[in-house]
Amino acid sequence: MSRYIVTGTDTDVGKTIFAAGLAGCLRAHYWKPVQAGLDGGGDSATVAVLSAGKATILPEAYRLRTPCSPH
């Protein structure tokens, strides 16, 4: 079983788009452990659309209403 982690150092650098493409192509599971900011449904909703339904979306462990960064 292979596992991939997509990381980036800033907002809007393409992590979600890349992860959606990767998960869709591999028909893999997508999981974002912490979603900060729920406007627009969060990243899981975006991945579901961009992967054309080919990725299995797992629910986030934590959903924070306020968009924020760890620091």
N, C-alpha and C. Protein backbone atom coordinates (compact mmCIF):
# COMPACT_ATOMS: atom_id res chain seq x y z
N MET A 1 0.84 -1.17 0.00
CA MET A 1 0.00 0.00 0.00
C MET A 1 0.89 1.24 0.00
N SER A 2 0.64 2.14 -0.92
CA SER A 2 1.39 3.39 -1.00
C SER A 2 0.62 4.50 -0.30
N ARG A 3 1.37 5.43 0.26
CA ARG A 3 0.78 6.60 0.90
C ARG A 3 1.52 7.83 0.41
N TYR A 4 0.78 8.87 0.15
CA TYR A 4 1.35 10.12 -0.31
C TYR A 4 0.86 11.24 0.58
N ILE A 5 1.72 12.18 0.88
CA ILE A 5 1.36 13.37 1.65
C ILE A 5 1.70 14.58 0.78
N VAL A 6 0.72 15.41 0.57
CA VAL A 6 0.91 16.63 -0.22
C VAL A 6 1.05 17.79 0.76
N THR A 7 2.16 18.50 0.70
CA THR A 7 2.39 19.63 1.60
C THR A 7 2.80 20.86 0.80
N GLY A 8 2.67 21.99 1.43
CA GLY A 8 3.08 23.25 0.83
C GLY A 8 3.28 24.27 1.94
N THR A 9 3.97 25.33 1.62
CA THR A 9 4.33 26.29 2.66
C THR A 9 3.48 27.54 2.67
N ASP A 10 2.46 27.62 1.84
CA ASP A 10 1.67 28.84 1.78
C ASP A 10 0.27 28.52 1.31
N THR A 11 -0.61 29.49 1.44
CA THR A 11 -1.98 29.37 0.96
C THR A 11 -2.01 29.59 -0.55
N ASP A 12 -2.88 28.87 -1.22
CA ASP A 12 -3.08 29.02 -2.67
C ASP A 12 -1.84 28.69 -3.51
N VAL A 13 -1.12 27.64 -3.12
CA VAL A 13 0.02 27.21 -3.92
C VAL A 13 -0.32 25.97 -4.76
N GLY A 14 -1.55 25.45 -4.63
CA GLY A 14 -1.97 24.34 -5.47
C GLY A 14 -2.05 22.99 -4.78
N LYS A 15 -1.96 22.94 -3.47
CA LYS A 15 -2.00 21.65 -2.75
C LYS A 15 -3.30 20.90 -3.02
N THR A 16 -4.42 21.58 -2.93
CA THR A 16 -5.71 20.93 -3.11
C THR A 16 -5.89 20.45 -4.53
N ILE A 17 -5.52 21.26 -5.49
CA ILE A 17 -5.66 20.87 -6.90
C ILE A 17 -4.78 19.67 -7.21
N PHE A 18 -3.55 19.70 -6.75
CA PHE A 18 -2.65 18.57 -6.99
C PHE A 18 -3.17 17.30 -6.31
N ALA A 19 -3.60 17.44 -5.05
CA ALA A 19 -4.10 16.27 -4.31
C ALA A 19 -5.35 15.70 -4.98
N ALA A 20 -6.22 16.56 -5.50
CA ALA A 20 -7.42 16.09 -6.19
C ALA A 20 -7.05 15.31 -7.45
N GLY A 21 -6.11 15.83 -8.22
CA GLY A 21 -5.68 15.13 -9.42
C GLY A 21 -5.03 13.80 -9.11
N LEU A 22 -4.17 13.79 -8.09
CA LEU A 22 -3.49 12.56 -7.70
C LEU A 22 -4.49 11.51 -7.20
N ALA A 23 -5.37 11.93 -6.30
CA ALA A 23 -6.36 10.99 -5.76
C ALA A 23 -7.30 10.49 -6.85
N GLY A 24 -7.69 11.37 -7.76
CA GLY A 24 -8.57 10.96 -8.85
C GLY A 24 -7.90 9.97 -9.79
N CYS A 25 -6.66 10.25 -10.18
CA CYS A 25 -5.94 9.35 -11.09
C CYS A 25 -5.69 7.98 -10.48
N LEU A 26 -5.40 7.98 -9.19
CA LEU A 26 -5.11 6.71 -8.50
C LEU A 26 -6.37 6.05 -7.93
N ARG A 27 -7.50 6.73 -8.05
CA ARG A 27 -8.75 6.27 -7.41
C ARG A 27 -8.49 5.96 -5.95
N ALA A 28 -7.87 6.93 -5.31
CA ALA A 28 -7.39 6.77 -3.94
C ALA A 28 -8.31 7.47 -2.95
N HIS A 29 -7.98 7.33 -1.68
CA HIS A 29 -8.67 8.03 -0.61
C HIS A 29 -8.01 9.40 -0.41
N TYR A 30 -8.84 10.41 -0.14
CA TYR A 30 -8.35 11.75 0.17
C TYR A 30 -8.75 12.05 1.61
N TRP A 31 -7.80 12.51 2.40
CA TRP A 31 -8.09 12.87 3.78
C TRP A 31 -7.29 14.10 4.16
N LYS A 32 -7.98 15.13 4.61
CA LYS A 32 -7.35 16.32 5.16
C LYS A 32 -7.68 16.31 6.65
N PRO A 33 -6.71 16.07 7.51
CA PRO A 33 -7.01 15.90 8.93
C PRO A 33 -7.61 17.12 9.60
N VAL A 34 -7.18 18.33 9.22
CA VAL A 34 -7.70 19.55 9.83
C VAL A 34 -8.12 20.51 8.72
N GLN A 35 -9.38 20.91 8.75
CA GLN A 35 -9.89 21.91 7.81
C GLN A 35 -10.15 23.19 8.57
N ALA A 36 -9.39 24.23 8.27
CA ALA A 36 -9.58 25.54 8.89
C ALA A 36 -10.23 26.46 7.87
N GLY A 37 -11.42 26.94 8.20
CA GLY A 37 -12.18 27.77 7.27
C GLY A 37 -13.16 26.91 6.51
N LEU A 38 -14.44 27.16 6.70
CA LEU A 38 -15.46 26.29 6.10
C LEU A 38 -16.24 26.96 4.98
N ASP A 39 -15.84 28.17 4.58
CA ASP A 39 -16.52 28.82 3.46
C ASP A 39 -16.37 27.99 2.21
N GLY A 40 -17.45 27.79 1.49
CA GLY A 40 -17.38 27.02 0.25
C GLY A 40 -17.31 25.52 0.47
N GLY A 41 -17.53 25.05 1.68
CA GLY A 41 -17.55 23.62 1.93
C GLY A 41 -16.22 23.01 2.27
N GLY A 42 -15.15 23.77 2.22
CA GLY A 42 -13.83 23.23 2.54
C GLY A 42 -13.20 22.51 1.37
N ASP A 43 -12.01 22.01 1.59
CA ASP A 43 -11.24 21.37 0.52
C ASP A 43 -11.83 20.04 0.06
N SER A 44 -12.49 19.33 0.95
CA SER A 44 -13.06 18.03 0.57
C SER A 44 -14.09 18.18 -0.54
N ALA A 45 -14.90 19.23 -0.48
CA ALA A 45 -15.89 19.48 -1.52
C ALA A 45 -15.20 19.79 -2.85
N THR A 46 -14.12 20.54 -2.79
CA THR A 46 -13.36 20.88 -4.00
C THR A 46 -12.72 19.63 -4.60
N VAL A 47 -12.15 18.79 -3.77
CA VAL A 47 -11.52 17.56 -4.25
C VAL A 47 -12.55 16.64 -4.88
N ALA A 48 -13.72 16.56 -4.30
CA ALA A 48 -14.78 15.71 -4.87
C ALA A 48 -15.12 16.14 -6.30
N VAL A 49 -15.19 17.45 -6.52
CA VAL A 49 -15.50 17.96 -7.85
C VAL A 49 -14.33 17.77 -8.80
N LEU A 50 -13.12 18.16 -8.36
CA LEU A 50 -11.95 18.10 -9.25
C LEU A 50 -11.51 16.67 -9.58
N SER A 51 -11.80 15.72 -8.71
CA SER A 51 -11.41 14.33 -8.98
C SER A 51 -12.48 13.61 -9.79
N ALA A 52 -13.53 14.32 -10.16
CA ALA A 52 -14.63 13.76 -10.95
C ALA A 52 -15.27 12.56 -10.26
N GLY A 53 -15.28 12.60 -8.94
CA GLY A 53 -15.90 11.52 -8.18
C GLY A 53 -15.09 10.24 -8.10
N LYS A 54 -13.86 10.27 -8.58
CA LYS A 54 -13.03 9.06 -8.58
C LYS A 54 -12.29 8.84 -7.27
N ALA A 55 -12.18 9.89 -6.45
CA ALA A 55 -11.50 9.77 -5.15
C ALA A 55 -12.54 9.49 -4.07
N THR A 56 -12.14 8.72 -3.09
CA THR A 56 -12.97 8.50 -1.92
C THR A 56 -12.60 9.57 -0.90
N ILE A 57 -13.57 10.38 -0.50
CA ILE A 57 -13.31 11.49 0.41
C ILE A 57 -13.62 11.04 1.84
N LEU A 58 -12.62 11.13 2.70
CA LEU A 58 -12.80 10.79 4.11
C LEU A 58 -13.06 12.07 4.90
N PRO A 59 -13.88 12.02 5.93
CA PRO A 59 -14.18 13.24 6.69
C PRO A 59 -12.98 13.73 7.49
N GLU A 60 -12.91 15.04 7.66
CA GLU A 60 -11.83 15.64 8.44
C GLU A 60 -11.96 15.25 9.91
N ALA A 61 -10.85 15.17 10.60
CA ALA A 61 -10.88 14.90 12.04
C ALA A 61 -11.30 16.15 12.81
N TYR A 62 -10.90 17.32 12.31
CA TYR A 62 -11.23 18.59 12.95
C TYR A 62 -11.68 19.58 11.89
N ARG A 63 -12.78 20.28 12.16
CA ARG A 63 -13.30 21.32 11.26
C ARG A 63 -13.40 22.62 12.05
N LEU A 64 -12.59 23.59 11.67
CA LEU A 64 -12.55 24.88 12.35
C LEU A 64 -13.23 25.94 11.46
N ARG A 65 -14.15 26.69 12.02
CA ARG A 65 -14.87 27.69 11.22
C ARG A 65 -13.95 28.80 10.71
N THR A 66 -13.03 29.24 11.56
CA THR A 66 -12.16 30.36 11.23
C THR A 66 -10.97 29.90 10.39
N PRO A 67 -10.72 30.54 9.24
CA PRO A 67 -9.51 30.23 8.49
C PRO A 67 -8.29 30.68 9.32
N CYS A 68 -7.36 29.80 9.53
CA CYS A 68 -6.18 30.15 10.33
C CYS A 68 -5.03 29.24 9.98
N SER A 69 -3.84 29.65 10.33
CA SER A 69 -2.65 28.84 10.09
C SER A 69 -2.13 28.35 11.46
N PRO A 70 -1.35 27.28 11.46
CA PRO A 70 -0.89 26.70 12.72
C PRO A 70 -0.07 27.65 13.59
N HIS A 71 0.65 28.58 12.99
CA HIS A 71 1.49 29.47 13.79
C HIS A 71 0.67 30.61 14.35
